[in-house]
């Protein structure tokens, strides 16, 4: 897993849904600033709880966020 892959996948899945970062934040109960930092690679996704919340909101298996 790389930061770039994770960042790209979160943004890709969010945009496929047509959601803003704010919408994903509301649906996942993760702050918009954390989502922004994850998507830009400024934050490394080390917490599985955060990634599980995001994956659940996006309706994708968590492993999909890590796949190329």
PDB file of N, CA and C in Angstrom:
ATOM      1  N   UNK A   1       0.841  -1.180   0.000  1.00  0.00           N
ATOM      2  CA  UNK A   1       0.000   0.000   0.000  1.00  0.00           C
ATOM      3  C   UNK A   1       0.880   1.236   0.000  1.00  0.00           C
ATOM      4  N   UNK A   2       0.504   2.193  -0.790  1.00  0.00           N
ATOM      5  CA  UNK A   2       1.207   3.462  -0.771  1.00  0.00           C
ATOM      6  C   UNK A   2       0.231   4.568  -0.422  1.00  0.00           C
ATOM      7  N   UNK A   3       0.779   5.671   0.063  1.00  0.00           N
ATOM      8  CA  UNK A   3      -0.060   6.824   0.380  1.00  0.00           C
ATOM      9  C   UNK A   3      -0.774   7.289  -0.875  1.00  0.00           C
ATOM     10  N   UNK A   4      -0.058   7.290  -2.000  1.00  0.00           N
ATOM     11  CA  UNK A   4      -0.636   7.754  -3.259  1.00  0.00           C
ATOM     12  C   UNK A   4      -1.830   6.890  -3.666  1.00  0.00           C
ATOM     13  N   UNK A   5      -1.696   5.582  -3.547  1.00  0.00           N
ATOM     14  CA  UNK A   5      -2.789   4.683  -3.908  1.00  0.00           C
ATOM     15  C   UNK A   5      -4.005   4.933  -3.031  1.00  0.00           C
ATOM     16  N   UNK A   6      -3.796   4.991  -1.730  1.00  0.00           N
ATOM     17  CA  UNK A   6      -4.902   5.213  -0.805  1.00  0.00           C
ATOM     18  C   UNK A   6      -5.562   6.558  -1.065  1.00  0.00           C
ATOM     19  N   UNK A   7      -4.757   7.597  -1.228  1.00  0.00           N
ATOM     20  CA  UNK A   7      -5.283   8.940  -1.493  1.00  0.00           C
ATOM     21  C   UNK A   7      -6.117   8.956  -2.757  1.00  0.00           C
ATOM     22  N   UNK A   8      -5.576   8.372  -3.809  1.00  0.00           N
ATOM     23  CA  UNK A   8      -6.263   8.349  -5.103  1.00  0.00           C
ATOM     24  C   UNK A   8      -7.576   7.582  -5.016  1.00  0.00           C
ATOM     25  N   UNK A   9      -7.560   6.446  -4.344  1.00  0.00           N
ATOM     26  CA  UNK A   9      -8.754   5.605  -4.298  1.00  0.00           C
ATOM     27  C   UNK A   9      -9.882   6.265  -3.503  1.00  0.00           C
ATOM     28  N   UNK A  10      -9.561   6.880  -2.383  1.00  0.00           N
ATOM     29  CA  UNK A  10     -10.604   7.559  -1.605  1.00  0.00           C
ATOM     30  C   UNK A  10     -11.250   8.640  -2.457  1.00  0.00           C
ATOM     31  N   UNK A  11     -10.430   9.448  -3.100  1.00  0.00           N
ATOM     32  CA  UNK A  11     -10.956  10.521  -3.948  1.00  0.00           C
ATOM     33  C   UNK A  11     -11.745   9.952  -5.124  1.00  0.00           C
ATOM     34  N   UNK A  12     -11.217   8.904  -5.738  1.00  0.00           N
ATOM     35  CA  UNK A  12     -11.886   8.288  -6.886  1.00  0.00           C
ATOM     36  C   UNK A  12     -13.281   7.777  -6.502  1.00  0.00           C
ATOM     37  N   UNK A  13     -13.378   7.035  -5.410  1.00  0.00           N
ATOM     38  CA  UNK A  13     -14.676   6.508  -4.978  1.00  0.00           C
ATOM     39  C   UNK A  13     -15.630   7.643  -4.599  1.00  0.00           C
ATOM     40  N   UNK A  14     -15.116   8.671  -3.952  1.00  0.00           N
ATOM     41  CA  UNK A  14     -15.956   9.805  -3.564  1.00  0.00           C
ATOM     42  C   UNK A  14     -16.510  10.506  -4.797  1.00  0.00           C
ATOM     43  N   UNK A  15     -15.648  10.742  -5.783  1.00  0.00           N
ATOM     44  CA  UNK A  15     -16.086  11.428  -6.996  1.00  0.00           C
ATOM     45  C   UNK A  15     -17.051  10.580  -7.819  1.00  0.00           C
ATOM     46  N   UNK A  16     -16.876   9.250  -7.804  1.00  0.00           N
ATOM     47  CA  UNK A  16     -17.818   8.365  -8.495  1.00  0.00           C
ATOM     48  C   UNK A  16     -19.231   8.518  -7.931  1.00  0.00           C
ATOM     49  N   UNK A  17     -19.319   8.796  -6.638  1.00  0.00           N
ATOM     50  CA  UNK A  17     -20.620   9.001  -5.999  1.00  0.00           C
ATOM     51  C   UNK A  17     -21.150  10.413  -6.253  1.00  0.00           C
ATOM     52  N   UNK A  18     -20.280  11.287  -6.767  1.00  0.00           N
ATOM     53  CA  UNK A  18     -20.683  12.670  -6.986  1.00  0.00           C
ATOM     54  C   UNK A  18     -20.742  13.475  -5.694  1.00  0.00           C
ATOM     55  N   UNK A  19     -19.981  13.039  -4.696  1.00  0.00           N
ATOM     56  CA  UNK A  19     -20.003  13.679  -3.387  1.00  0.00           C
ATOM     57  C   UNK A  19     -18.862  14.667  -3.242  1.00  0.00           C
ATOM     58  N   UNK A  20     -19.118  15.705  -2.479  1.00  0.00           N
ATOM     59  CA  UNK A  20     -18.058  16.619  -2.059  1.00  0.00           C
ATOM     60  C   UNK A  20     -17.355  15.992  -0.850  1.00  0.00           C
ATOM     61  N   UNK A  21     -16.234  16.569  -0.478  1.00  0.00           N
ATOM     62  CA  UNK A  21     -15.563  16.087   0.731  1.00  0.00           C
ATOM     63  C   UNK A  21     -16.467  16.271   1.947  1.00  0.00           C
ATOM     64  N   UNK A  22     -17.223  17.355   1.963  1.00  0.00           N
ATOM     65  CA  UNK A  22     -18.139  17.619   3.079  1.00  0.00           C
ATOM     66  C   UNK A  22     -19.221  16.539   3.175  1.00  0.00           C
ATOM     67  N   UNK A  23     -19.743  16.114   2.034  1.00  0.00           N
ATOM     68  CA  UNK A  23     -20.760  15.055   2.041  1.00  0.00           C
ATOM     69  C   UNK A  23     -20.186  13.750   2.579  1.00  0.00           C
ATOM     70  N   UNK A  24     -18.976  13.398   2.130  1.00  0.00           N
ATOM     71  CA  UNK A  24     -18.343  12.179   2.639  1.00  0.00           C
ATOM     72  C   UNK A  24     -18.086  12.309   4.135  1.00  0.00           C
ATOM     73  N   UNK A  25     -17.667  13.475   4.565  1.00  0.00           N
ATOM     74  CA  UNK A  25     -17.428  13.703   5.992  1.00  0.00           C
ATOM     75  C   UNK A  25     -18.705  13.463   6.796  1.00  0.00           C
ATOM     76  N   UNK A  26     -19.804  13.996   6.324  1.00  0.00           N
ATOM     77  CA  UNK A  26     -21.079  13.822   7.029  1.00  0.00           C
ATOM     78  C   UNK A  26     -21.526  12.367   7.049  1.00  0.00           C
ATOM     79  N   UNK A  27     -21.351  11.668   5.942  1.00  0.00           N
ATOM     80  CA  UNK A  27     -21.803  10.277   5.844  1.00  0.00           C
ATOM     81  C   UNK A  27     -20.900   9.311   6.621  1.00  0.00           C
ATOM     82  N   UNK A  28     -19.618   9.665   6.756  1.00  0.00           N
ATOM     83  CA  UNK A  28     -18.666   8.768   7.412  1.00  0.00           C
ATOM     84  C   UNK A  28     -18.373   9.146   8.864  1.00  0.00           C
ATOM     85  N   UNK A  29     -18.804  10.332   9.265  1.00  0.00           N
ATOM     86  CA  UNK A  29     -18.483  10.844  10.595  1.00  0.00           C
ATOM     87  C   UNK A  29     -16.974  11.000  10.786  1.00  0.00           C
ATOM     88  N   UNK A  30     -16.305  11.384   9.704  1.00  0.00           N
ATOM     89  CA  UNK A  30     -14.880  11.709   9.712  1.00  0.00           C
ATOM     90  C   UNK A  30     -14.799  13.163   9.263  1.00  0.00           C
ATOM     91  N   UNK A  31     -13.983  13.966   9.924  1.00  0.00           N
ATOM     92  CA  UNK A  31     -13.963  15.393   9.592  1.00  0.00           C
ATOM     93  C   UNK A  31     -13.520  15.635   8.149  1.00  0.00           C
ATOM     94  N   UNK A  32     -14.038  16.722   7.573  1.00  0.00           N
ATOM     95  CA  UNK A  32     -13.690  17.077   6.209  1.00  0.00           C
ATOM     96  C   UNK A  32     -12.197  17.350   6.094  1.00  0.00           C
ATOM     97  N   UNK A  33     -11.606  17.937   7.115  1.00  0.00           N
ATOM     98  CA  UNK A  33     -10.173  18.230   7.055  1.00  0.00           C
ATOM     99  C   UNK A  33      -9.347  16.945   6.998  1.00  0.00           C
ATOM    100  N   UNK A  34      -9.754  15.909   7.707  1.00  0.00           N
ATOM    101  CA  UNK A  34      -9.034  14.629   7.645  1.00  0.00           C
ATOM    102  C   UNK A  34      -9.197  14.010   6.266  1.00  0.00           C
ATOM    103  N   UNK A  35     -10.396  14.051   5.711  1.00  0.00           N
ATOM    104  CA  UNK A  35     -10.616  13.513   4.368  1.00  0.00           C
ATOM    105  C   UNK A  35      -9.760  14.263   3.358  1.00  0.00           C
ATOM    106  N   UNK A  36      -9.710  15.576   3.471  1.00  0.00           N
ATOM    107  CA  UNK A  36      -8.885  16.382   2.572  1.00  0.00           C
ATOM    108  C   UNK A  36      -7.413  15.994   2.693  1.00  0.00           C
ATOM    109  N   UNK A  37      -6.933  15.858   3.918  1.00  0.00           N
ATOM    110  CA  UNK A  37      -5.531  15.484   4.137  1.00  0.00           C
ATOM    111  C   UNK A  37      -5.232  14.084   3.608  1.00  0.00           C
ATOM    112  N   UNK A  38      -6.169  13.164   3.761  1.00  0.00           N
ATOM    113  CA  UNK A  38      -5.981  11.813   3.225  1.00  0.00           C
ATOM    114  C   UNK A  38      -5.917  11.847   1.702  1.00  0.00           C
ATOM    115  N   UNK A  39      -6.829  12.599   1.082  1.00  0.00           N
ATOM    116  CA  UNK A  39      -6.887  12.648  -0.378  1.00  0.00           C
ATOM    117  C   UNK A  39      -5.675  13.330  -0.998  1.00  0.00           C
ATOM    118  N   UNK A  40      -5.087  14.273  -0.290  1.00  0.00           N
ATOM    119  CA  UNK A  40      -3.927  14.988  -0.833  1.00  0.00           C
ATOM    120  C   UNK A  40      -2.602  14.361  -0.412  1.00  0.00           C
ATOM    121  N   UNK A  41      -2.665  13.321   0.403  1.00  0.00           N
ATOM    122  CA  UNK A  41      -1.446  12.654   0.843  1.00  0.00           C
ATOM    123  C   UNK A  41      -0.739  13.361   1.979  1.00  0.00           C
ATOM    124  N   UNK A  42      -1.368  14.373   2.559  1.00  0.00           N
ATOM    125  CA  UNK A  42      -0.765  15.091   3.684  1.00  0.00           C
ATOM    126  C   UNK A  42      -0.904  14.312   4.983  1.00  0.00           C
ATOM    127  N   UNK A  43      -1.781  13.327   4.976  1.00  0.00           N
ATOM    128  CA  UNK A  43      -1.986  12.468   6.148  1.00  0.00           C
ATOM    129  C   UNK A  43      -1.915  11.028   5.679  1.00  0.00           C
ATOM    130  N   UNK A  44      -1.215  10.216   6.443  1.00  0.00           N
ATOM    131  CA  UNK A  44      -1.130   8.792   6.137  1.00  0.00           C
ATOM    132  C   UNK A  44      -2.254   8.092   6.890  1.00  0.00           C
ATOM    133  N   UNK A  45      -2.989   7.272   6.183  1.00  0.00           N
ATOM    134  CA  UNK A  45      -4.117   6.550   6.778  1.00  0.00           C
ATOM    135  C   UNK A  45      -3.589   5.379   7.589  1.00  0.00           C
ATOM    136  N   UNK A  46      -3.367   5.614   8.870  1.00  0.00           N
ATOM    137  CA  UNK A  46      -2.851   4.549   9.727  1.00  0.00           C
ATOM    138  C   UNK A  46      -3.938   3.940  10.602  1.00  0.00           C
ATOM    139  N   UNK A  47      -5.020   4.660  10.788  1.00  0.00           N
ATOM    140  CA  UNK A  47      -6.090   4.169  11.652  1.00  0.00           C
ATOM    141  C   UNK A  47      -7.129   3.382  10.874  1.00  0.00           C
ATOM    142  N   UNK A  48      -7.294   2.128  11.221  1.00  0.00           N
ATOM    143  CA  UNK A  48      -8.270   1.310  10.500  1.00  0.00           C
ATOM    144  C   UNK A  48      -9.697   1.758  10.777  1.00  0.00           C
ATOM    145  N   UNK A  49      -9.952   2.347  11.941  1.00  0.00           N
ATOM    146  CA  UNK A  49     -11.307   2.802  12.253  1.00  0.00           C
ATOM    147  C   UNK A  49     -11.723   3.899  11.274  1.00  0.00           C
ATOM    148  N   UNK A  50     -10.841   4.839  11.025  1.00  0.00           N
ATOM    149  CA  UNK A  50     -11.140   5.924  10.082  1.00  0.00           C
ATOM    150  C   UNK A  50     -11.389   5.368   8.693  1.00  0.00           C
ATOM    151  N   UNK A  51     -10.532   4.481   8.244  1.00  0.00           N
ATOM    152  CA  UNK A  51     -10.706   3.898   6.910  1.00  0.00           C
ATOM    153  C   UNK A  51     -11.969   3.048   6.825  1.00  0.00           C
ATOM    154  N   UNK A  52     -12.309   2.353   7.902  1.00  0.00           N
ATOM    155  CA  UNK A  52     -13.549   1.564   7.900  1.00  0.00           C
ATOM    156  C   UNK A  52     -14.765   2.473   7.777  1.00  0.00           C
ATOM    157  N   UNK A  53     -14.753   3.596   8.466  1.00  0.00           N
ATOM    158  CA  UNK A  53     -15.869   4.545   8.377  1.00  0.00           C
ATOM    159  C   UNK A  53     -16.013   5.089   6.957  1.00  0.00           C
ATOM    160  N   UNK A  54     -14.881   5.438   6.354  1.00  0.00           N
ATOM    161  CA  UNK A  54     -14.902   5.981   4.992  1.00  0.00           C
ATOM    162  C   UNK A  54     -15.378   4.921   4.008  1.00  0.00           C
ATOM    163  N   UNK A  55     -14.832   3.717   4.120  1.00  0.00           N
ATOM    164  CA  UNK A  55     -15.224   2.627   3.211  1.00  0.00           C
ATOM    165  C   UNK A  55     -16.712   2.309   3.347  1.00  0.00           C
ATOM    166  N   UNK A  56     -17.206   2.276   4.572  1.00  0.00           N
ATOM    167  CA  UNK A  56     -18.630   1.987   4.795  1.00  0.00           C
ATOM    168  C   UNK A  56     -19.502   3.064   4.157  1.00  0.00           C
ATOM    169  N   UNK A  57     -19.135   4.318   4.342  1.00  0.00           N
ATOM    170  CA  UNK A  57     -19.904   5.414   3.748  1.00  0.00           C
ATOM    171  C   UNK A  57     -19.886   5.333   2.226  1.00  0.00           C
ATOM    172  N   UNK A  58     -18.736   4.955   1.670  1.00  0.00           N
ATOM    173  CA  UNK A  58     -18.596   4.841   0.214  1.00  0.00           C
ATOM    174  C   UNK A  58     -19.204   3.549  -0.331  1.00  0.00           C
ATOM    175  N   UNK A  59     -19.579   2.648   0.573  1.00  0.00           N
ATOM    176  CA  UNK A  59     -20.157   1.350   0.210  1.00  0.00           C
ATOM    177  C   UNK A  59     -19.192   0.511  -0.625  1.00  0.00           C
ATOM    178  N   UNK A  60     -17.928   0.492  -0.180  1.00  0.00           N
ATOM    179  CA  UNK A  60     -16.909  -0.345  -0.824  1.00  0.00           C
ATOM    180  C   UNK A  60     -16.183  -1.135   0.263  1.00  0.00           C
ATOM    181  N   UNK A  61     -15.725  -2.346  -0.063  1.00  0.00           N
ATOM    182  CA  UNK A  61     -14.912  -3.082   0.907  1.00  0.00           C
ATOM    183  C   UNK A  61     -13.629  -2.294   1.190  1.00  0.00           C
ATOM    184  N   UNK A  62     -13.195  -2.292   2.438  1.00  0.00           N
ATOM    185  CA  UNK A  62     -12.011  -1.520   2.809  1.00  0.00           C
ATOM    186  C   UNK A  62     -10.799  -1.894   1.961  1.00  0.00           C
ATOM    187  N   UNK A  63     -10.673  -3.148   1.595  1.00  0.00           N
ATOM    188  CA  UNK A  63      -9.507  -3.575   0.805  1.00  0.00           C
ATOM    189  C   UNK A  63      -9.445  -2.860  -0.545  1.00  0.00           C
ATOM    190  N   UNK A  64     -10.606  -2.449  -1.077  1.00  0.00           N
ATOM    191  CA  UNK A  64     -10.633  -1.756  -2.370  1.00  0.00           C
ATOM    192  C   UNK A  64      -9.876  -0.434  -2.323  1.00  0.00           C
ATOM    193  N   UNK A  65      -9.826   0.169  -1.162  1.00  0.00           N
ATOM    194  CA  UNK A  65      -9.119   1.439  -1.018  1.00  0.00           C
ATOM    195  C   UNK A  65      -7.618   1.245  -1.204  1.00  0.00           C
ATOM    196  N   UNK A  66      -7.130   0.032  -0.943  1.00  0.00           N
ATOM    197  CA  UNK A  66      -5.697  -0.238  -1.025  1.00  0.00           C
ATOM    198  C   UNK A  66      -5.254  -0.843  -2.351  1.00  0.00           C
ATOM    199  N   UNK A  67      -6.192  -1.256  -3.191  1.00  0.00           N
ATOM    200  CA  UNK A  67      -5.834  -1.901  -4.456  1.00  0.00           C
ATOM    201  C   UNK A  67      -5.491  -0.880  -5.522  1.00  0.00           C
ATOM    202  N   UNK A  68      -4.567  -1.254  -6.392  1.00  0.00           N
ATOM    203  CA  UNK A  68      -4.200  -0.375  -7.515  1.00  0.00           C
ATOM    204  C   UNK A  68      -5.262  -0.409  -8.578  1.00  0.00           C
TER     205      UNK A  68
END
